[in-house]
PDB file of N, CA and C in Angstrom:
ATOM      1  N   MET A   1     -12.604 -16.276  -7.623  1.00  0.00           N
ATOM      2  CA  MET A   1     -12.117 -15.647  -6.426  1.00  0.00           C
ATOM      3  C   MET A   1     -13.818 -15.631  -5.405  1.00  0.00           C
ATOM      4  N   LYS A   2     -13.653 -16.050  -4.240  1.00  0.00           N
ATOM      5  CA  LYS A   2     -14.915 -16.161  -3.314  1.00  0.00           C
ATOM      6  C   LYS A   2     -15.238 -14.733  -2.821  1.00  0.00           C
ATOM      7  N   THR A   3     -16.625 -14.893  -2.421  1.00  0.00           N
ATOM      8  CA  THR A   3     -17.133 -13.632  -2.331  1.00  0.00           C
ATOM      9  C   THR A   3     -17.736 -13.856  -0.292  1.00  0.00           C
ATOM     10  N   VAL A   4     -17.514 -12.709   0.331  1.00  0.00           N
ATOM     11  CA  VAL A   4     -17.852 -13.355   1.640  1.00  0.00           C
ATOM     12  C   VAL A   4     -18.559 -11.731   2.118  1.00  0.00           C
ATOM     13  N   SER A   5     -19.485 -12.037   3.025  1.00  0.00           N
ATOM     14  CA  SER A   5     -20.073 -10.462   3.438  1.00  0.00           C
ATOM     15  C   SER A   5     -19.386 -10.334   4.926  1.00  0.00           C
ATOM     16  N   THR A   6     -19.645  -8.858   5.066  1.00  0.00           N
ATOM     17  CA  THR A   6     -18.909  -8.205   6.047  1.00  0.00           C
ATOM     18  C   THR A   6     -19.298  -8.918   7.681  1.00  0.00           C
ATOM     19  N   GLN A   7     -20.471  -9.268   7.766  1.00  0.00           N
ATOM     20  CA  GLN A   7     -20.817  -9.803   8.897  1.00  0.00           C
ATOM     21  C   GLN A   7     -20.127 -10.985   8.702  1.00  0.00           C
ATOM     22  N   VAL A   8     -19.725 -12.077   7.712  1.00  0.00           N
ATOM     23  CA  VAL A   8     -18.869 -13.416   7.958  1.00  0.00           C
ATOM     24  C   VAL A   8     -17.505 -12.945   8.108  1.00  0.00           C
ATOM     25  N   ALA A   9     -16.920 -11.633   7.345  1.00  0.00           N
ATOM     26  CA  ALA A   9     -15.711 -11.231   7.723  1.00  0.00           C
ATOM     27  C   ALA A   9     -15.304 -11.251   9.121  1.00  0.00           C
ATOM     28  N   LYS A  10     -16.194 -10.286   9.589  1.00  0.00           N
ATOM     29  CA  LYS A  10     -15.956 -10.296  11.268  1.00  0.00           C
ATOM     30  C   LYS A  10     -15.719 -11.556  12.062  1.00  0.00           C
ATOM     31  N   THR A  11     -16.914 -12.328  11.631  1.00  0.00           N
ATOM     32  CA  THR A  11     -16.612 -13.612  12.421  1.00  0.00           C
ATOM     33  C   THR A  11     -15.780 -14.327  12.171  1.00  0.00           C
ATOM     34  N   ARG A  12     -15.298 -14.518  11.140  1.00  0.00           N
ATOM     35  CA  ARG A  12     -14.470 -15.548  10.297  1.00  0.00           C
ATOM     36  C   ARG A  12     -12.936 -15.078  10.130  1.00  0.00           C
ATOM     37  N   LEU A  13     -12.697 -13.938  10.518  1.00  0.00           N
ATOM     38  CA  LEU A  13     -11.441 -13.241  10.215  1.00  0.00           C
ATOM     39  C   LEU A  13      -9.912 -14.522  10.037  1.00  0.00           C
ATOM     40  N   SER A  14     -10.300 -14.577  11.069  1.00  0.00           N
ATOM     41  CA  SER A  14      -9.091 -15.987  11.660  1.00  0.00           C
ATOM     42  C   SER A  14      -8.913 -16.844  10.421  1.00  0.00           C
ATOM     43  N   GLN A  15      -9.636 -17.608  10.047  1.00  0.00           N
ATOM     44  CA  GLN A  15      -9.715 -18.443   9.303  1.00  0.00           C
ATOM     45  C   GLN A  15      -9.517 -18.059   7.921  1.00  0.00           C
ATOM     46  N   LEU A  16     -10.462 -16.545   7.442  1.00  0.00           N
ATOM     47  CA  LEU A  16      -9.899 -16.059   5.949  1.00  0.00           C
ATOM     48  C   LEU A  16      -8.779 -15.817   5.959  1.00  0.00           C
ATOM     49  N   LEU A  17      -7.830 -15.757   7.359  1.00  0.00           N
ATOM     50  CA  LEU A  17      -6.426 -15.005   7.046  1.00  0.00           C
ATOM     51  C   LEU A  17      -6.030 -16.345   6.476  1.00  0.00           C
ATOM     52  N   GLN A  18      -6.264 -17.288   7.465  1.00  0.00           N
ATOM     53  CA  GLN A  18      -5.494 -18.561   7.354  1.00  0.00           C
ATOM     54  C   GLN A  18      -5.388 -18.851   5.573  1.00  0.00           C
ATOM     55  N   LEU A  19      -6.499 -19.126   4.939  1.00  0.00           N
ATOM     56  CA  LEU A  19      -6.724 -19.254   3.558  1.00  0.00           C
ATOM     57  C   LEU A  19      -6.134 -18.282   2.726  1.00  0.00           C
ATOM     58  N   VAL A  20      -6.045 -17.082   3.207  1.00  0.00           N
ATOM     59  CA  VAL A  20      -5.399 -16.114   2.348  1.00  0.00           C
ATOM     60  C   VAL A  20      -3.864 -16.362   2.572  1.00  0.00           C
ATOM     61  N   GLY A  21      -3.246 -16.378   3.532  1.00  0.00           N
ATOM     62  CA  GLY A  21      -2.249 -17.118   3.753  1.00  0.00           C
ATOM     63  C   GLY A  21      -1.688 -18.468   2.790  1.00  0.00           C
ATOM     64  N   GLU A  22      -2.611 -19.236   2.249  1.00  0.00           N
ATOM     65  CA  GLU A  22      -2.455 -20.215   1.565  1.00  0.00           C
ATOM     66  C   GLU A  22      -2.727 -20.050  -0.107  1.00  0.00           C
ATOM     67  N   GLY A  23      -3.013 -18.556  -0.219  1.00  0.00           N
ATOM     68  CA  GLY A  23      -3.245 -18.227  -1.542  1.00  0.00           C
ATOM     69  C   GLY A  23      -4.583 -17.950  -2.020  1.00  0.00           C
ATOM     70  N   GLU A  24      -5.657 -17.974  -1.424  1.00  0.00           N
ATOM     71  CA  GLU A  24      -6.582 -17.791  -1.901  1.00  0.00           C
ATOM     72  C   GLU A  24      -6.930 -16.250  -1.387  1.00  0.00           C
ATOM     73  N   GLU A  25      -8.248 -15.525  -2.354  1.00  0.00           N
ATOM     74  CA  GLU A  25      -8.465 -14.278  -2.401  1.00  0.00           C
ATOM     75  C   GLU A  25      -9.913 -14.039  -2.042  1.00  0.00           C
ATOM     76  N   PHE A  26     -10.394 -13.257  -1.175  1.00  0.00           N
ATOM     77  CA  PHE A  26     -11.617 -13.403  -1.178  1.00  0.00           C
ATOM     78  C   PHE A  26     -12.483 -11.476  -1.434  1.00  0.00           C
ATOM     79  N   ILE A  27     -13.508 -10.929  -2.017  1.00  0.00           N
ATOM     80  CA  ILE A  27     -13.881 -10.223  -2.128  1.00  0.00           C
ATOM     81  C   ILE A  27     -14.879  -9.839  -0.721  1.00  0.00           C
ATOM     82  N   ILE A  28     -14.721  -8.696   0.112  1.00  0.00           N
ATOM     83  CA  ILE A  28     -16.005  -8.616   0.771  1.00  0.00           C
ATOM     84  C   ILE A  28     -16.972  -7.659   0.350  1.00  0.00           C
ATOM     85  N   THR A  29     -18.213  -7.980   0.857  1.00  0.00           N
ATOM     86  CA  THR A  29     -19.421  -7.158   0.490  1.00  0.00           C
ATOM     87  C   THR A  29     -20.239  -6.801   1.421  1.00  0.00           C
ATOM     88  N   GLU A  30     -20.741  -5.336   1.456  1.00  0.00           N
ATOM     89  CA  GLU A  30     -21.995  -4.981   2.169  1.00  0.00           C
ATOM     90  C   GLU A  30     -22.893  -4.497   1.657  1.00  0.00           C
ATOM     91  N   ALA A  31     -23.791  -5.364   1.924  1.00  0.00           N
ATOM     92  CA  ALA A  31     -25.209  -5.104   1.489  1.00  0.00           C
ATOM     93  C   ALA A  31     -25.474  -5.820  -0.165  1.00  0.00           C
ATOM     94  N   GLY A  32     -24.046  -6.836  -0.016  1.00  0.00           N
ATOM     95  CA  GLY A  32     -24.165  -7.443  -1.792  1.00  0.00           C
ATOM     96  C   GLY A  32     -23.480  -6.729  -2.784  1.00  0.00           C
ATOM     97  N   LYS A  33     -22.768  -5.516  -2.315  1.00  0.00           N
ATOM     98  CA  LYS A  33     -21.662  -5.049  -2.937  1.00  0.00           C
ATOM     99  C   LYS A  33     -20.464  -5.041  -2.501  1.00  0.00           C
ATOM    100  N   PRO A  34     -19.626  -5.018  -3.642  1.00  0.00           N
ATOM    101  CA  PRO A  34     -18.168  -5.328  -3.018  1.00  0.00           C
ATOM    102  C   PRO A  34     -17.814  -4.104  -2.292  1.00  0.00           C
ATOM    103  N   VAL A  35     -16.971  -3.902  -1.537  1.00  0.00           N
ATOM    104  CA  VAL A  35     -15.978  -3.041  -1.168  1.00  0.00           C
ATOM    105  C   VAL A  35     -14.696  -3.042  -0.599  1.00  0.00           C
ATOM    106  N   ALA A  36     -14.111  -4.294  -0.710  1.00  0.00           N
ATOM    107  CA  ALA A  36     -12.825  -4.839  -0.259  1.00  0.00           C
ATOM    108  C   ALA A  36     -12.511  -5.809  -0.485  1.00  0.00           C
ATOM    109  N   ARG A  37     -11.245  -6.119  -1.053  1.00  0.00           N
ATOM    110  CA  ARG A  37     -10.475  -7.262  -1.569  1.00  0.00           C
ATOM    111  C   ARG A  37      -9.272  -7.762  -0.443  1.00  0.00           C
ATOM    112  N   LEU A  38      -9.699  -8.797  -0.016  1.00  0.00           N
ATOM    113  CA  LEU A  38      -8.698  -9.538   0.898  1.00  0.00           C
ATOM    114  C   LEU A  38      -7.466 -10.609   0.225  1.00  0.00           C
ATOM    115  N   VAL A  39      -6.363  -9.913  -0.023  1.00  0.00           N
ATOM    116  CA  VAL A  39      -5.113 -10.856  -0.427  1.00  0.00           C
ATOM    117  C   VAL A  39      -4.102 -10.761   0.438  1.00  0.00           C
ATOM    118  N   GLY A  40      -3.204 -11.924   0.187  1.00  0.00           N
ATOM    119  CA  GLY A  40      -2.083 -11.848   0.881  1.00  0.00           C
ATOM    120  C   GLY A  40      -1.108 -10.952   0.485  1.00  0.00           C
ATOM    121  N   ILE A  41       0.019 -10.822   1.607  1.00  0.00           N
ATOM    122  CA  ILE A  41       1.629 -10.282   1.288  1.00  0.00           C
ATOM    123  C   ILE A  41       2.304 -11.073   0.656  1.00  0.00           C
ATOM    124  N   ARG A  42       3.132 -10.635  -0.304  1.00  0.00           N
ATOM    125  CA  ARG A  42       4.021 -11.492  -0.592  1.00  0.00           C
ATOM    126  C   ARG A  42       5.439 -11.232  -0.028  1.00  0.00           C
ATOM    127  N   ALA A  43       6.477 -11.687   0.455  1.00  0.00           N
ATOM    128  CA  ALA A  43       7.493 -11.337   1.366  1.00  0.00           C
ATOM    129  C   ALA A  43       8.463 -10.500   0.919  1.00  0.00           C
ATOM    130  N   GLU A  44       8.821 -10.740  -0.437  1.00  0.00           N
ATOM    131  CA  GLU A  44       9.231  -9.497  -1.412  1.00  0.00           C
ATOM    132  C   GLU A  44       8.630  -8.307  -1.422  1.00  0.00           C
ATOM    133  N   ASP A  45       7.329  -7.914  -1.608  1.00  0.00           N
ATOM    134  CA  ASP A  45       6.874  -6.899  -1.045  1.00  0.00           C
ATOM    135  C   ASP A  45       7.001  -6.209  -0.077  1.00  0.00           C
ATOM    136  N   LEU A  46       7.621  -6.634   0.968  1.00  0.00           N
ATOM    137  CA  LEU A  46       8.329  -6.285   2.518  1.00  0.00           C
ATOM    138  C   LEU A  46       9.682  -5.924   2.746  1.00  0.00           C
ATOM    139  N   GLU A  47      10.272  -6.458   1.598  1.00  0.00           N
ATOM    140  CA  GLU A  47      11.777  -6.431   1.656  1.00  0.00           C
ATOM    141  C   GLU A  47      12.209  -4.901   1.349  1.00  0.00           C
ATOM    142  N   ARG A  48      12.758  -4.336   1.842  1.00  0.00           N
ATOM    143  CA  ARG A  48      13.809  -2.984   1.676  1.00  0.00           C
ATOM    144  C   ARG A  48      14.491  -2.633   0.536  1.00  0.00           C
ATOM    145  N   LYS A  49      14.952  -2.460  -0.360  1.00  0.00           N
ATOM    146  CA  LYS A  49      15.798  -2.494  -1.383  1.00  0.00           C
ATOM    147  C   LYS A  49      16.392  -1.429  -1.175  1.00  0.00           C
ATOM    148  N   GLY A  50      17.840  -1.210  -0.906  1.00  0.00           N
ATOM    149  CA  GLY A  50      18.374   0.063  -1.510  1.00  0.00           C
ATOM    150  C   GLY A  50      18.931   0.348  -2.813  1.00  0.00           C
ATOM    151  N   SER A  51      19.131   1.764  -2.952  1.00  0.00           N
ATOM    152  CA  SER A  51      20.086   2.142  -4.109  1.00  0.00           C
ATOM    153  C   SER A  51      18.966   2.455  -5.294  1.00  0.00           C
ATOM    154  N   GLN A  52      17.747   1.736  -5.293  1.00  0.00           N
ATOM    155  CA  GLN A  52      17.541   1.737  -6.446  1.00  0.00           C
ATOM    156  C   GLN A  52      17.118   3.060  -7.445  1.00  0.00           C
ATOM    157  N   TRP A  53      17.477   4.222  -6.775  1.00  0.00           N
ATOM    158  CA  TRP A  53      17.472   5.676  -7.588  1.00  0.00           C
ATOM    159  C   TRP A  53      19.227   5.835  -7.772  1.00  0.00           C
ATOM    160  N   LYS A  54      19.887   5.326  -7.293  1.00  0.00           N
ATOM    161  CA  LYS A  54      21.509   5.480  -7.639  1.00  0.00           C
ATOM    162  C   LYS A  54      21.853   5.654  -8.781  1.00  0.00           C
ATOM    163  N   GLY A  55      22.549   6.886  -8.969  1.00  0.00           N
ATOM    164  CA  GLY A  55      22.620   7.113 -10.687  1.00  0.00           C
ATOM    165  C   GLY A  55      21.732   8.097 -10.902  1.00  0.00           C
ATOM    166  N   LEU A  56      20.544   8.008 -10.410  1.00  0.00           N
ATOM    167  CA  LEU A  56      19.266   8.765 -11.176  1.00  0.00           C
ATOM    168  C   LEU A  56      18.937  10.302 -10.766  1.00  0.00           C
ATOM    169  N   VAL A  57      19.420  10.265  -9.807  1.00  0.00           N
ATOM    170  CA  VAL A  57      18.793  11.593  -8.954  1.00  0.00           C
ATOM    171  C   VAL A  57      20.386  12.273  -8.422  1.00  0.00           C
ATOM    172  N   GLN A  58      19.987  13.434  -8.937  1.00  0.00           N
ATOM    173  CA  GLN A  58      21.065  14.381  -7.974  1.00  0.00           C
ATOM    174  C   GLN A  58      20.802  15.699  -7.452  1.00  0.00           C
ATOM    175  N   ILE A  59      21.523  15.284  -6.198  1.00  0.00           N
ATOM    176  CA  ILE A  59      21.019  16.445  -5.094  1.00  0.00           C
ATOM    177  C   ILE A  59      22.117  17.468  -4.737  1.00  0.00           C
ATOM    178  N   HIS A  60      22.273  18.651  -5.333  1.00  0.00           N
ATOM    179  CA  HIS A  60      22.835  19.631  -4.883  1.00  0.00           C
ATOM    180  C   HIS A  60      23.246  20.072  -3.763  1.00  0.00           C
ATOM    181  N   ASP A  61      24.121  20.376  -3.917  1.00  0.00           N
ATOM    182  CA  ASP A  61      25.058  21.153  -2.383  1.00  0.00           C
ATOM    183  C   ASP A  61      24.011  21.784  -2.102  1.00  0.00           C
ATOM    184  N   ASP A  62      23.173  23.067  -2.325  1.00  0.00           N
ATOM    185  CA  ASP A  62      22.701  23.796  -1.765  1.00  0.00           C
ATOM    186  C   ASP A  62      21.322  23.376  -1.734  1.00  0.00           C
ATOM    187  N   PHE A  63      20.910  22.417  -1.918  1.00  0.00           N
ATOM    188  CA  PHE A  63      19.510  22.336  -1.908  1.00  0.00           C
ATOM    189  C   PHE A  63      18.525  22.150  -0.908  1.00  0.00           C
ATOM    190  N   ASP A  64      18.919  22.417   0.333  1.00  0.00           N
ATOM    191  CA  ASP A  64      17.962  23.123   1.275  1.00  0.00           C
ATOM    192  C   ASP A  64      18.308  24.568   1.344  1.00  0.00           C
ATOM    193  N   GLY A  65      19.358  25.604   0.686  1.00  0.00           N
ATOM    194  CA  GLY A  65      19.445  26.650   0.767  1.00  0.00           C
ATOM    195  C   GLY A  65      18.611  27.637   0.541  1.00  0.00           C
ATOM    196  N   PRO A  66      18.277  28.852   0.992  1.00  0.00           N
ATOM    197  CA  PRO A  66      17.077  29.554   0.614  1.00  0.00           C
ATOM    198  C   PRO A  66      16.444  29.971  -0.814  1.00  0.00           C
ATOM    199  N   LEU A  67      15.366  29.769  -1.036  1.00  0.00           N
ATOM    200  CA  LEU A  67      14.921  29.926  -2.571  1.00  0.00           C
ATOM    201  C   LEU A  67      15.326  31.370  -2.758  1.00  0.00           C
ATOM    202  N   PRO A  68      15.336  31.707  -4.032  1.00  0.00           N
ATOM    203  CA  PRO A  68      15.371  32.795  -4.736  1.00  0.00           C
ATOM    204  C   PRO A  68      14.651  33.408  -4.505  1.00  0.00           C
ATOM    205  N   ASP A  69      14.388  34.896  -4.478  1.00  0.00           N
ATOM    206  CA  ASP A  69      13.588  36.113  -4.204  1.00  0.00           C
ATOM    207  C   ASP A  69      12.137  36.023  -5.453  1.00  0.00           C
ATOM    208  N   ASP A  70      12.443  35.700  -6.634  1.00  0.00           N
ATOM    209  CA  ASP A  70      11.790  35.583  -7.501  1.00  0.00           C
ATOM    210  C   ASP A  70      11.020  34.418  -7.739  1.00  0.00           C
ATOM    211  N   ILE A  71      11.164  33.220  -6.469  1.00  0.00           N
ATOM    212  CA  ILE A  71      10.154  32.399  -6.821  1.00  0.00           C
ATOM    213  C   ILE A  71       9.367  32.686  -5.359  1.00  0.00           C
ATOM    214  N   VAL A  72      10.090  33.224  -4.413  1.00  0.00           N
ATOM    215  CA  VAL A  72       9.460  33.191  -3.098  1.00  0.00           C
ATOM    216  C   VAL A  72       8.703  34.473  -2.827  1.00  0.00           C
ATOM    217  N   GLY A  73       8.413  35.152  -3.762  1.00  0.00           N
ATOM    218  CA  GLY A  73       8.138  36.854  -3.685  1.00  0.00           C
ATOM    219  C   GLY A  73       8.139  37.183  -2.382  1.00  0.00           C
ATOM    220  N   PRO A  74       7.025  38.023  -2.345  1.00  0.00           N
ATOM    221  CA  PRO A  74       7.132  39.211  -1.041  1.00  0.00           C
ATOM    222  C   PRO A  74       6.290  38.364  -0.261  1.00  0.00           C
ATOM    223  N   LEU A  75       6.742  38.939   1.322  1.00  0.00           N
ATOM    224  CA  LEU A  75       6.069  38.338   2.297  1.00  0.00           C
ATOM    225  C   LEU A  75       4.879  38.777   3.035  1.00  0.00           C
TER     226      LEU A  75
END
């Protein structure tokens, strides 16, 4: 993994993004210390998938009803 300074990252962001799009990764440093990692995003990370919790979660009819007094306590 290549390392670039924040100054280089600022001046060459477009070039870095092109390389990241091709699969490269970069560590961005400030004063010689790593502060961030520049990596690409996979298309499948952006896809929304429904029904992942289907059958695993139950929502009762009164889920938005008032809470019992023993939970709420005095106001």
